[in-house]
């Protein structure tokens, strides 16, 4: 088992500095991003929102009271997306490296700032990779590559 803890300062900064419309600057000139993603969000009722990605996949967000939620809150969804992003990277890297794993699980524990905006100040991810004859170094390398290079959600 490998445990990785990280304080996502740059990630929290990205979240708090997002503005619309976003402008991407390359070499001093304004240039469009390589791929434009589009999405649509509709208020349903209370604190419930249905978001739809440009490929048709939908997510129900519910920022209401915990007892009556019918979907993750936006903050929970951010943590879940972080986990799914790094998991996708790790699985892809392990497969490319032909590491014979059978299962991957991630547990997360996150702390948020006490004051508004209540950004994540610490995210601790605990990875469990199961399989026969797995070398810990290969798994650690995959996690490091995800964390430092590939995961676009921001761990």
C-alpha atoms as a PDB file:
ATOM      1  CA  UNK A   1       0.000   0.000   0.000  1.00  0.00           C
ATOM      2  CA  UNK A   2       1.172   3.488  -0.798  1.00  0.00           C
ATOM      3  CA  UNK A   3      -0.120   6.586   0.900  1.00  0.00           C
ATOM      4  CA  UNK A   4       0.296   9.998  -0.637  1.00  0.00           C
ATOM      5  CA  UNK A   5      -0.563  13.225   1.102  1.00  0.00           C
ATOM      6  CA  UNK A   6      -0.353  16.576  -0.579  1.00  0.00           C
ATOM      7  CA  UNK A   7      -1.356  20.117   0.182  1.00  0.00           C
ATOM      8  CA  UNK A   8      -2.809  21.367  -3.104  1.00  0.00           C
ATOM      9  CA  UNK A   9      -1.867  25.027  -2.796  1.00  0.00           C
ATOM     10  CA  UNK A  10      -1.639  25.586  -6.564  1.00  0.00           C
ATOM     11  CA  UNK A  11      -4.860  23.657  -7.068  1.00  0.00           C
ATOM     12  CA  UNK A  12      -6.767  25.665  -4.485  1.00  0.00           C
ATOM     13  CA  UNK A  13      -5.420  28.794  -6.150  1.00  0.00           C
ATOM     14  CA  UNK A  14      -6.691  27.654  -9.533  1.00  0.00           C
ATOM     15  CA  UNK A  15     -10.148  27.087  -8.141  1.00  0.00           C
ATOM     16  CA  UNK A  16     -10.316  30.485  -6.479  1.00  0.00           C
ATOM     17  CA  UNK A  17      -8.969  32.367  -9.503  1.00  0.00           C
ATOM     18  CA  UNK A  18     -11.244  30.958 -12.197  1.00  0.00           C
ATOM     19  CA  UNK A  19     -13.088  33.698 -14.017  1.00  0.00           C
ATOM     20  CA  UNK A  20     -15.375  33.625 -17.029  1.00  0.00           C
ATOM     21  CA  UNK A  21     -14.587  34.016 -19.837  1.00  0.00           C
ATOM     22  CA  UNK A  22     -11.225  32.333 -19.440  1.00  0.00           C
ATOM     23  CA  UNK A  23      -8.383  33.534 -21.653  1.00  0.00           C
ATOM     24  CA  UNK A  24      -5.441  31.333 -22.444  1.00  0.00           C
ATOM     25  CA  UNK A  25      -2.156  33.117 -23.050  1.00  0.00           C
ATOM     26  CA  UNK A  26       0.698  31.460 -24.913  1.00  0.00           C
ATOM     27  CA  UNK A  27       3.871  33.400 -25.581  1.00  0.00           C
ATOM     28  CA  UNK A  28       2.134  36.709 -24.947  1.00  0.00           C
ATOM     29  CA  UNK A  29      -0.487  36.189 -27.675  1.00  0.00           C
ATOM     30  CA  UNK A  30      -4.081  35.219 -27.049  1.00  0.00           C
ATOM     31  CA  UNK A  31      -4.703  31.757 -28.442  1.00  0.00           C
ATOM     32  CA  UNK A  32      -7.581  29.313 -28.101  1.00  0.00           C
ATOM     33  CA  UNK A  33      -7.078  26.169 -26.047  1.00  0.00           C
ATOM     34  CA  UNK A  34      -6.407  22.924 -27.894  1.00  0.00           C
ATOM     35  CA  UNK A  35      -9.892  21.577 -27.100  1.00  0.00           C
ATOM     36  CA  UNK A  36     -12.881  23.580 -26.011  1.00  0.00           C
ATOM     37  CA  UNK A  37     -15.132  21.781 -23.562  1.00  0.00           C
ATOM     38  CA  UNK A  38     -18.731  22.842 -23.216  1.00  0.00           C
ATOM     39  CA  UNK A  39     -21.281  22.055 -20.546  1.00  0.00           C
ATOM     40  CA  UNK A  40     -24.717  23.228 -19.492  1.00  0.00           C
ATOM     41  CA  UNK A  41     -26.163  23.514 -15.980  1.00  0.00           C
ATOM     42  CA  UNK A  42     -29.810  23.982 -15.020  1.00  0.00           C
ATOM     43  CA  UNK A  43     -31.225  24.881 -11.601  1.00  0.00           C
ATOM     44  CA  UNK A  44     -33.838  22.272 -10.682  1.00  0.00           C
ATOM     45  CA  UNK A  45     -35.045  23.308  -7.224  1.00  0.00           C
ATOM     46  CA  UNK A  46     -33.608  24.367  -3.885  1.00  0.00           C
ATOM     47  CA  UNK A  47     -29.865  23.740  -4.165  1.00  0.00           C
ATOM     48  CA  UNK A  48     -30.175  21.021  -6.842  1.00  0.00           C
ATOM     49  CA  UNK A  49     -28.585  21.422 -10.254  1.00  0.00           C
ATOM     50  CA  UNK A  50     -28.354  19.123 -13.267  1.00  0.00           C
ATOM     51  CA  UNK A  51     -25.157  19.512 -15.252  1.00  0.00           C
ATOM     52  CA  UNK A  52     -24.702  18.037 -18.709  1.00  0.00           C
ATOM     53  CA  UNK A  53     -21.376  17.660 -20.505  1.00  0.00           C
ATOM     54  CA  UNK A  54     -21.135  18.203 -24.251  1.00  0.00           C
ATOM     55  CA  UNK A  55     -21.013  14.419 -24.768  1.00  0.00           C
ATOM     56  CA  UNK A  56     -24.409  14.006 -23.090  1.00  0.00           C
ATOM     57  CA  UNK A  57     -23.347  12.658 -19.680  1.00  0.00           C
ATOM     58  CA  UNK A  58     -25.231  14.186 -16.762  1.00  0.00           C
ATOM     59  CA  UNK A  59     -24.544  14.711 -13.070  1.00  0.00           C
ATOM     60  CA  UNK A  60     -26.998  15.825 -10.401  1.00  0.00           C
ATOM     61  CA  UNK A  61     -25.407  18.173  -7.868  1.00  0.00           C
ATOM     62  CA  UNK A  62     -27.161  18.846  -4.582  1.00  0.00           C
ATOM     63  CA  UNK A  63     -25.792  21.433  -2.196  1.00  0.00           C
ATOM     64  CA  UNK A  64     -28.741  21.127   0.176  1.00  0.00           C
ATOM     65  CA  UNK A  65     -28.901  19.556   3.610  1.00  0.00           C
ATOM     66  CA  UNK A  66     -27.023  16.254   3.892  1.00  0.00           C
ATOM     67  CA  UNK A  67     -30.094  14.243   4.951  1.00  0.00           C
ATOM     68  CA  UNK A  68     -32.083  15.128   1.838  1.00  0.00           C
ATOM     69  CA  UNK A  69     -29.358  15.195  -0.815  1.00  0.00           C
ATOM     70  CA  UNK A  70     -29.955  13.275  -4.026  1.00  0.00           C
ATOM     71  CA  UNK A  71     -26.458  13.763  -5.380  1.00  0.00           C
ATOM     72  CA  UNK A  72     -23.029  14.963  -4.295  1.00  0.00           C
ATOM     73  CA  UNK A  73     -22.510  18.580  -3.347  1.00  0.00           C
ATOM     74  CA  UNK A  74     -20.270  20.545  -5.728  1.00  0.00           C
ATOM     75  CA  UNK A  75     -17.427  20.309  -3.192  1.00  0.00           C
ATOM     76  CA  UNK A  76     -17.892  16.549  -2.798  1.00  0.00           C
ATOM     77  CA  UNK A  77     -17.947  16.225  -6.580  1.00  0.00           C
ATOM     78  CA  UNK A  78     -14.631  18.077  -6.785  1.00  0.00           C
ATOM     79  CA  UNK A  79     -13.036  15.587  -4.396  1.00  0.00           C
ATOM     80  CA  UNK A  80     -14.614  12.645  -6.239  1.00  0.00           C
ATOM     81  CA  UNK A  81     -13.398  14.033  -9.581  1.00  0.00           C
ATOM     82  CA  UNK A  82      -9.889  14.357  -8.162  1.00  0.00           C
ATOM     83  CA  UNK A  83      -9.992  10.697  -7.128  1.00  0.00           C
ATOM     84  CA  UNK A  84     -11.366   9.554 -10.499  1.00  0.00           C
ATOM     85  CA  UNK A  85      -8.771  11.603 -12.386  1.00  0.00           C
ATOM     86  CA  UNK A  86      -5.782  10.182 -10.547  1.00  0.00           C
ATOM     87  CA  UNK A  87      -7.286   6.667 -10.654  1.00  0.00           C
ATOM     88  CA  UNK A  88      -7.644   6.902 -14.447  1.00  0.00           C
ATOM     89  CA  UNK A  89      -4.040   8.025 -14.763  1.00  0.00           C
ATOM     90  CA  UNK A  90      -2.688   5.320 -12.460  1.00  0.00           C
ATOM     91  CA  UNK A  91      -4.642   2.541 -14.210  1.00  0.00           C
ATOM     92  CA  UNK A  92      -3.509   3.782 -17.628  1.00  0.00           C
ATOM     93  CA  UNK A  93       0.146   3.985 -16.573  1.00  0.00           C
ATOM     94  CA  UNK A  94       0.103   0.580 -14.861  1.00  0.00           C
ATOM     95  CA  UNK A  95      -1.437  -1.016 -17.959  1.00  0.00           C
ATOM     96  CA  UNK A  96       1.129   0.614 -20.251  1.00  0.00           C
ATOM     97  CA  UNK A  97       3.901  -0.636 -17.972  1.00  0.00           C
ATOM     98  CA  UNK A  98       2.267  -4.100 -17.940  1.00  0.00           C
ATOM     99  CA  UNK A  99       1.991  -4.162 -14.169  1.00  0.00           C
ATOM    100  CA  UNK A 100      -0.290  -7.141 -13.346  1.00  0.00           C
ATOM    101  CA  UNK A 101      -2.732  -5.431 -10.977  1.00  0.00           C
ATOM    102  CA  UNK A 102      -6.243  -6.729 -10.273  1.00  0.00           C
ATOM    103  CA  UNK A 103      -7.792  -3.866  -8.359  1.00  0.00           C
ATOM    104  CA  UNK A 104      -7.289  -0.220  -7.446  1.00  0.00           C
ATOM    105  CA  UNK A 105      -9.037   1.601  -4.626  1.00  0.00           C
ATOM    106  CA  UNK A 106      -8.522   5.128  -3.351  1.00  0.00           C
ATOM    107  CA  UNK A 107      -9.724   6.582  -0.075  1.00  0.00           C
ATOM    108  CA  UNK A 108      -9.601  10.327   0.452  1.00  0.00           C
ATOM    109  CA  UNK A 109      -9.552  12.607   3.439  1.00  0.00           C
ATOM    110  CA  UNK A 110      -9.746  16.319   2.751  1.00  0.00           C
ATOM    111  CA  UNK A 111      -9.561  19.415   4.913  1.00  0.00           C
ATOM    112  CA  UNK A 112     -11.101  22.742   3.977  1.00  0.00           C
ATOM    113  CA  UNK A 113     -10.355  26.288   5.037  1.00  0.00           C
ATOM    114  CA  UNK A 114     -12.474  27.612   7.886  1.00  0.00           C
ATOM    115  CA  UNK A 115     -13.146  30.913   6.143  1.00  0.00           C
ATOM    116  CA  UNK A 116     -14.862  31.652   2.847  1.00  0.00           C
ATOM    117  CA  UNK A 117     -13.933  30.600   0.248  1.00  0.00           C
ATOM    118  CA  UNK A 118     -13.676  27.206   1.943  1.00  0.00           C
ATOM    119  CA  UNK A 119     -11.136  25.771  -0.490  1.00  0.00           C
ATOM    120  CA  UNK A 120      -9.390  22.481   0.115  1.00  0.00           C
ATOM    121  CA  UNK A 121      -6.246  23.073   2.142  1.00  0.00           C
ATOM    122  CA  UNK A 122      -5.177  19.435   2.278  1.00  0.00           C
ATOM    123  CA  UNK A 123      -6.137  16.302   0.384  1.00  0.00           C
ATOM    124  CA  UNK A 124      -4.733  12.975   1.512  1.00  0.00           C
ATOM    125  CA  UNK A 125      -5.205  10.087  -0.926  1.00  0.00           C
ATOM    126  CA  UNK A 126      -4.597   6.508   0.169  1.00  0.00           C
ATOM    127  CA  UNK A 127      -4.086   4.136  -2.770  1.00  0.00           C
ATOM    128  CA  UNK A 128      -4.607   0.370  -2.560  1.00  0.00           C
ATOM    129  CA  UNK A 129      -3.403  -1.632  -5.525  1.00  0.00           C
ATOM    130  CA  UNK A 130      -3.908  -5.396  -5.519  1.00  0.00           C
ATOM    131  CA  UNK A 131      -2.303  -8.013  -7.706  1.00  0.00           C
ATOM    132  CA  UNK A 132       0.345 -10.695  -7.854  1.00  0.00           C
ATOM    133  CA  UNK A 133       4.022  -9.773  -7.968  1.00  0.00           C
ATOM    134  CA  UNK A 134       3.438  -6.014  -8.062  1.00  0.00           C
ATOM    135  CA  UNK A 135       6.508  -3.922  -7.433  1.00  0.00           C
ATOM    136  CA  UNK A 136       5.840  -1.003  -5.129  1.00  0.00           C
ATOM    137  CA  UNK A 137       8.215   1.202  -7.141  1.00  0.00           C
ATOM    138  CA  UNK A 138       6.055   0.811 -10.269  1.00  0.00           C
ATOM    139  CA  UNK A 139       2.915   1.819  -8.387  1.00  0.00           C
ATOM    140  CA  UNK A 140       4.672   4.754  -6.721  1.00  0.00           C
ATOM    141  CA  UNK A 141       5.942   5.931 -10.115  1.00  0.00           C
ATOM    142  CA  UNK A 142       2.410   5.806 -11.574  1.00  0.00           C
ATOM    143  CA  UNK A 143       1.023   7.790  -8.630  1.00  0.00           C
ATOM    144  CA  UNK A 144       3.826  10.355  -8.866  1.00  0.00           C
ATOM    145  CA  UNK A 145       3.294  10.804 -12.615  1.00  0.00           C
ATOM    146  CA  UNK A 146      -0.422  11.321 -12.055  1.00  0.00           C
ATOM    147  CA  UNK A 147       0.168  13.800  -9.260  1.00  0.00           C
ATOM    148  CA  UNK A 148       2.958  15.783 -10.874  1.00  0.00           C
ATOM    149  CA  UNK A 149       2.208  15.578 -14.585  1.00  0.00           C
ATOM    150  CA  UNK A 150      -1.081  14.156 -15.794  1.00  0.00           C
ATOM    151  CA  UNK A 151      -4.066  14.735 -13.496  1.00  0.00           C
ATOM    152  CA  UNK A 152      -5.851  17.817 -14.799  1.00  0.00           C
ATOM    153  CA  UNK A 153      -8.304  18.034 -11.908  1.00  0.00           C
ATOM    154  CA  UNK A 154      -5.532  19.198  -9.648  1.00  0.00           C
ATOM    155  CA  UNK A 155      -3.986  17.039  -6.964  1.00  0.00           C
END
